[in-house]
N, C-alpha and C. Protein backbone atom coordinates (compact mmCIF):
# COMPACT_ATOMS: atom_id res chain seq x y z
N MET A 1 -60.00 -39.30 -55.57
CA MET A 1 -60.72 -38.56 -56.57
C MET A 1 -62.11 -38.15 -56.06
N LYS A 2 -62.80 -39.07 -55.39
CA LYS A 2 -64.12 -38.75 -54.86
C LYS A 2 -64.06 -37.63 -53.83
N VAL A 3 -63.02 -37.65 -53.02
CA VAL A 3 -62.88 -36.61 -51.99
C VAL A 3 -62.65 -35.26 -52.66
N THR A 4 -61.82 -35.23 -53.69
CA THR A 4 -61.55 -33.98 -54.41
C THR A 4 -62.83 -33.46 -55.06
N THR A 5 -63.57 -34.34 -55.70
CA THR A 5 -64.82 -33.94 -56.34
C THR A 5 -65.81 -33.40 -55.31
N ALA A 6 -65.94 -34.09 -54.20
CA ALA A 6 -66.85 -33.64 -53.14
C ALA A 6 -66.43 -32.28 -52.60
N ALA A 7 -65.13 -32.07 -52.44
CA ALA A 7 -64.63 -30.79 -51.95
C ALA A 7 -64.92 -29.67 -52.95
N LEU A 8 -64.76 -29.95 -54.24
CA LEU A 8 -65.04 -28.94 -55.26
C LEU A 8 -66.53 -28.61 -55.32
N VAL A 9 -67.38 -29.62 -55.21
CA VAL A 9 -68.83 -29.38 -55.19
C VAL A 9 -69.18 -28.53 -53.96
N ALA A 10 -68.64 -28.89 -52.82
CA ALA A 10 -68.92 -28.12 -51.59
C ALA A 10 -68.44 -26.68 -51.73
N ALA A 11 -67.28 -26.48 -52.32
CA ALA A 11 -66.75 -25.12 -52.50
C ALA A 11 -67.63 -24.32 -53.46
N ALA A 12 -68.12 -24.95 -54.52
CA ALA A 12 -68.99 -24.25 -55.48
C ALA A 12 -70.31 -23.88 -54.82
N VAL A 13 -70.90 -24.80 -54.08
CA VAL A 13 -72.16 -24.50 -53.39
C VAL A 13 -71.94 -23.39 -52.36
N ALA A 14 -70.85 -23.46 -51.62
CA ALA A 14 -70.56 -22.41 -50.63
C ALA A 14 -70.38 -21.06 -51.31
N GLN A 15 -69.71 -21.06 -52.48
CA GLN A 15 -69.51 -19.80 -53.22
C GLN A 15 -70.86 -19.19 -53.60
N GLU A 16 -71.78 -20.03 -54.05
CA GLU A 16 -73.11 -19.53 -54.41
C GLU A 16 -73.89 -19.07 -53.18
N LEU A 17 -73.81 -19.81 -52.09
CA LEU A 17 -74.57 -19.45 -50.88
C LEU A 17 -74.06 -18.19 -50.22
N ARG A 18 -72.80 -17.81 -50.48
CA ARG A 18 -72.27 -16.55 -49.93
C ARG A 18 -72.87 -15.33 -50.62
N LYS A 19 -73.42 -15.53 -51.82
CA LYS A 19 -74.04 -14.42 -52.55
C LYS A 19 -75.45 -14.18 -52.03
N PRO A 20 -75.94 -12.95 -52.16
CA PRO A 20 -77.36 -12.72 -51.84
C PRO A 20 -78.22 -13.60 -52.75
N SER A 21 -79.36 -14.05 -52.27
CA SER A 21 -80.17 -15.00 -53.04
C SER A 21 -80.54 -14.46 -54.42
N SER A 22 -80.70 -13.17 -54.56
CA SER A 22 -81.06 -12.60 -55.85
C SER A 22 -79.90 -12.64 -56.86
N GLU A 23 -78.68 -12.87 -56.38
CA GLU A 23 -77.51 -12.89 -57.26
C GLU A 23 -76.98 -14.30 -57.53
N ARG A 24 -77.61 -15.31 -56.97
CA ARG A 24 -77.15 -16.68 -57.17
C ARG A 24 -77.52 -17.17 -58.57
N THR A 25 -76.53 -17.61 -59.32
CA THR A 25 -76.77 -18.12 -60.67
C THR A 25 -76.58 -19.62 -60.74
N TRP A 26 -75.90 -20.20 -59.77
CA TRP A 26 -75.61 -21.63 -59.68
C TRP A 26 -74.73 -22.12 -60.82
N HIS A 27 -73.97 -21.21 -61.42
CA HIS A 27 -72.93 -21.59 -62.38
C HIS A 27 -71.87 -20.51 -62.35
N GLY A 28 -70.64 -20.94 -62.59
CA GLY A 28 -69.51 -20.01 -62.56
C GLY A 28 -68.21 -20.78 -62.55
N HIS A 29 -67.20 -20.18 -61.92
CA HIS A 29 -65.87 -20.80 -61.86
C HIS A 29 -65.31 -20.70 -60.45
N LEU A 30 -64.66 -21.77 -60.02
CA LEU A 30 -63.93 -21.78 -58.76
C LEU A 30 -62.50 -21.37 -59.04
N ALA A 31 -61.95 -20.55 -58.20
CA ALA A 31 -60.56 -20.10 -58.32
C ALA A 31 -60.29 -19.53 -59.71
N GLY A 32 -61.33 -19.05 -60.36
CA GLY A 32 -61.17 -18.40 -61.65
C GLY A 32 -61.05 -19.32 -62.84
N PHE A 33 -60.98 -20.65 -62.65
CA PHE A 33 -60.80 -21.50 -63.82
C PHE A 33 -61.53 -22.85 -63.77
N ILE A 34 -61.96 -23.35 -62.64
CA ILE A 34 -62.65 -24.64 -62.57
C ILE A 34 -64.16 -24.37 -62.70
N PRO A 35 -64.76 -24.79 -63.84
CA PRO A 35 -66.17 -24.48 -64.05
C PRO A 35 -67.10 -25.36 -63.21
N TYR A 36 -68.23 -24.77 -62.84
CA TYR A 36 -69.29 -25.54 -62.19
C TYR A 36 -70.64 -25.05 -62.72
N ASP A 37 -71.60 -25.94 -62.73
CA ASP A 37 -72.94 -25.59 -63.18
C ASP A 37 -73.94 -26.52 -62.51
N PHE A 38 -74.82 -25.97 -61.71
CA PHE A 38 -75.83 -26.75 -61.01
C PHE A 38 -77.24 -26.43 -61.50
N ARG A 39 -77.34 -25.76 -62.65
CA ARG A 39 -78.65 -25.50 -63.25
C ARG A 39 -79.15 -26.79 -63.90
N PRO A 40 -80.45 -26.94 -64.05
CA PRO A 40 -80.95 -28.13 -64.76
C PRO A 40 -80.36 -28.17 -66.17
N PRO A 41 -79.85 -29.33 -66.58
CA PRO A 41 -79.26 -29.43 -67.92
C PRO A 41 -80.31 -29.26 -69.02
N THR A 42 -79.87 -28.75 -70.16
CA THR A 42 -80.75 -28.63 -71.32
C THR A 42 -80.09 -29.32 -72.52
N LEU A 43 -80.88 -29.67 -73.49
CA LEU A 43 -80.35 -30.29 -74.70
C LEU A 43 -79.35 -29.36 -75.39
N ALA A 44 -79.64 -28.08 -75.43
CA ALA A 44 -78.73 -27.13 -76.07
C ALA A 44 -77.37 -27.08 -75.36
N ARG A 45 -77.39 -27.14 -74.03
CA ARG A 45 -76.11 -27.12 -73.30
C ARG A 45 -75.35 -28.42 -73.48
N PHE A 46 -76.07 -29.56 -73.56
CA PHE A 46 -75.39 -30.82 -73.85
C PHE A 46 -74.70 -30.75 -75.22
N GLN A 47 -75.41 -30.26 -76.20
CA GLN A 47 -74.84 -30.17 -77.54
C GLN A 47 -73.65 -29.22 -77.56
N ALA A 48 -73.76 -28.08 -76.92
CA ALA A 48 -72.65 -27.12 -76.90
C ALA A 48 -71.42 -27.69 -76.21
N ALA A 49 -71.62 -28.54 -75.22
CA ALA A 49 -70.49 -29.10 -74.48
C ALA A 49 -69.91 -30.34 -75.15
N TRP A 50 -70.76 -31.21 -75.70
CA TRP A 50 -70.30 -32.52 -76.18
C TRP A 50 -70.17 -32.64 -77.68
N TRP A 51 -70.94 -31.85 -78.44
CA TRP A 51 -70.86 -31.98 -79.90
C TRP A 51 -70.96 -30.60 -80.53
N ASN A 52 -69.83 -29.91 -80.58
CA ASN A 52 -69.77 -28.57 -81.15
C ASN A 52 -68.47 -28.46 -81.95
N PRO A 53 -68.45 -29.01 -83.17
CA PRO A 53 -67.21 -29.05 -83.95
C PRO A 53 -66.63 -27.67 -84.27
N ASP A 54 -67.46 -26.63 -84.24
CA ASP A 54 -66.97 -25.29 -84.56
C ASP A 54 -66.35 -24.56 -83.37
N ASP A 55 -66.52 -25.10 -82.17
CA ASP A 55 -65.89 -24.53 -80.97
C ASP A 55 -64.43 -24.99 -80.95
N PRO A 56 -63.47 -24.08 -80.87
CA PRO A 56 -62.06 -24.49 -80.91
C PRO A 56 -61.61 -25.27 -79.67
N ARG A 57 -62.41 -25.29 -78.61
CA ARG A 57 -62.01 -25.98 -77.39
C ARG A 57 -62.32 -27.46 -77.45
N ILE A 58 -61.40 -28.27 -76.97
CA ILE A 58 -61.67 -29.71 -76.81
C ILE A 58 -62.31 -29.95 -75.44
N PHE A 59 -61.86 -29.24 -74.44
CA PHE A 59 -62.42 -29.35 -73.10
C PHE A 59 -63.37 -28.18 -72.87
N THR A 60 -64.64 -28.49 -72.64
CA THR A 60 -65.67 -27.48 -72.43
C THR A 60 -66.21 -27.60 -71.01
N ASP A 61 -66.94 -26.58 -70.57
CA ASP A 61 -67.53 -26.63 -69.24
C ASP A 61 -68.54 -27.77 -69.16
N ARG A 62 -68.55 -28.44 -68.03
CA ARG A 62 -69.48 -29.56 -67.80
C ARG A 62 -70.91 -29.03 -67.80
N VAL A 63 -71.82 -29.83 -68.32
CA VAL A 63 -73.23 -29.45 -68.39
C VAL A 63 -73.85 -29.41 -67.00
N PHE A 64 -73.49 -30.34 -66.13
CA PHE A 64 -73.98 -30.35 -64.76
C PHE A 64 -72.87 -30.88 -63.86
N GLY A 65 -72.56 -30.14 -62.82
CA GLY A 65 -71.53 -30.56 -61.88
C GLY A 65 -70.31 -29.66 -61.95
N VAL A 66 -69.16 -30.23 -61.59
CA VAL A 66 -67.92 -29.47 -61.52
C VAL A 66 -66.91 -30.10 -62.47
N GLY A 67 -66.22 -29.27 -63.24
CA GLY A 67 -65.16 -29.76 -64.12
C GLY A 67 -65.46 -29.54 -65.58
N TRP A 68 -64.87 -30.41 -66.40
CA TRP A 68 -64.93 -30.22 -67.84
C TRP A 68 -65.54 -31.43 -68.53
N SER A 69 -66.04 -31.20 -69.74
CA SER A 69 -66.52 -32.26 -70.64
C SER A 69 -65.59 -32.29 -71.85
N ILE A 70 -65.70 -33.34 -72.64
CA ILE A 70 -64.91 -33.42 -73.87
C ILE A 70 -65.84 -33.14 -75.05
N ASN A 71 -65.43 -32.17 -75.86
CA ASN A 71 -66.18 -31.79 -77.05
C ASN A 71 -65.84 -32.79 -78.16
N LEU A 72 -66.62 -33.86 -78.23
CA LEU A 72 -66.36 -34.92 -79.20
C LEU A 72 -66.49 -34.43 -80.63
N GLY A 73 -67.36 -33.47 -80.87
CA GLY A 73 -67.49 -32.92 -82.21
C GLY A 73 -66.19 -32.30 -82.70
N ARG A 74 -65.51 -31.58 -81.82
CA ARG A 74 -64.22 -30.98 -82.19
C ARG A 74 -63.16 -32.06 -82.40
N VAL A 75 -63.16 -33.08 -81.56
CA VAL A 75 -62.18 -34.16 -81.70
C VAL A 75 -62.36 -34.85 -83.05
N VAL A 76 -63.60 -35.14 -83.43
CA VAL A 76 -63.87 -35.78 -84.72
C VAL A 76 -63.43 -34.87 -85.86
N LYS A 77 -63.76 -33.61 -85.77
CA LYS A 77 -63.40 -32.67 -86.84
C LYS A 77 -61.88 -32.60 -87.00
N LEU A 78 -61.16 -32.50 -85.91
CA LEU A 78 -59.69 -32.45 -85.98
C LEU A 78 -59.12 -33.75 -86.53
N THR A 79 -59.72 -34.87 -86.15
CA THR A 79 -59.24 -36.18 -86.64
C THR A 79 -59.45 -36.30 -88.15
N LEU A 80 -60.62 -35.86 -88.62
CA LEU A 80 -60.90 -35.93 -90.05
C LEU A 80 -60.01 -34.97 -90.85
N GLU A 81 -59.73 -33.80 -90.29
CA GLU A 81 -58.84 -32.86 -90.97
C GLU A 81 -57.43 -33.41 -91.06
N LYS A 82 -57.00 -34.07 -90.00
CA LYS A 82 -55.66 -34.66 -89.95
C LYS A 82 -55.55 -35.80 -90.96
N ALA A 83 -56.62 -36.59 -91.13
CA ALA A 83 -56.61 -37.73 -92.04
C ALA A 83 -56.66 -37.32 -93.50
N ALA A 84 -57.18 -36.12 -93.76
CA ALA A 84 -57.32 -35.67 -95.16
C ALA A 84 -56.02 -35.22 -95.78
């Protein structure tokens, strides 16, 4: 798992470094679907990724790094709707 993660981080950094410096955003997707984000995290991005009950996605883009986060707000909302 560590090797896979390291390879994905290296691929994301390489993807950004291939762009001209003025076009580097340090966030995007590898192979069109694996999200990455190396920008400094913000409280708003943490909330959007981890606690956003109105977002239909359970798996959201990670706030920092490569991969996905779990939208706990959506999980709770679905659980409460199911229990009602």
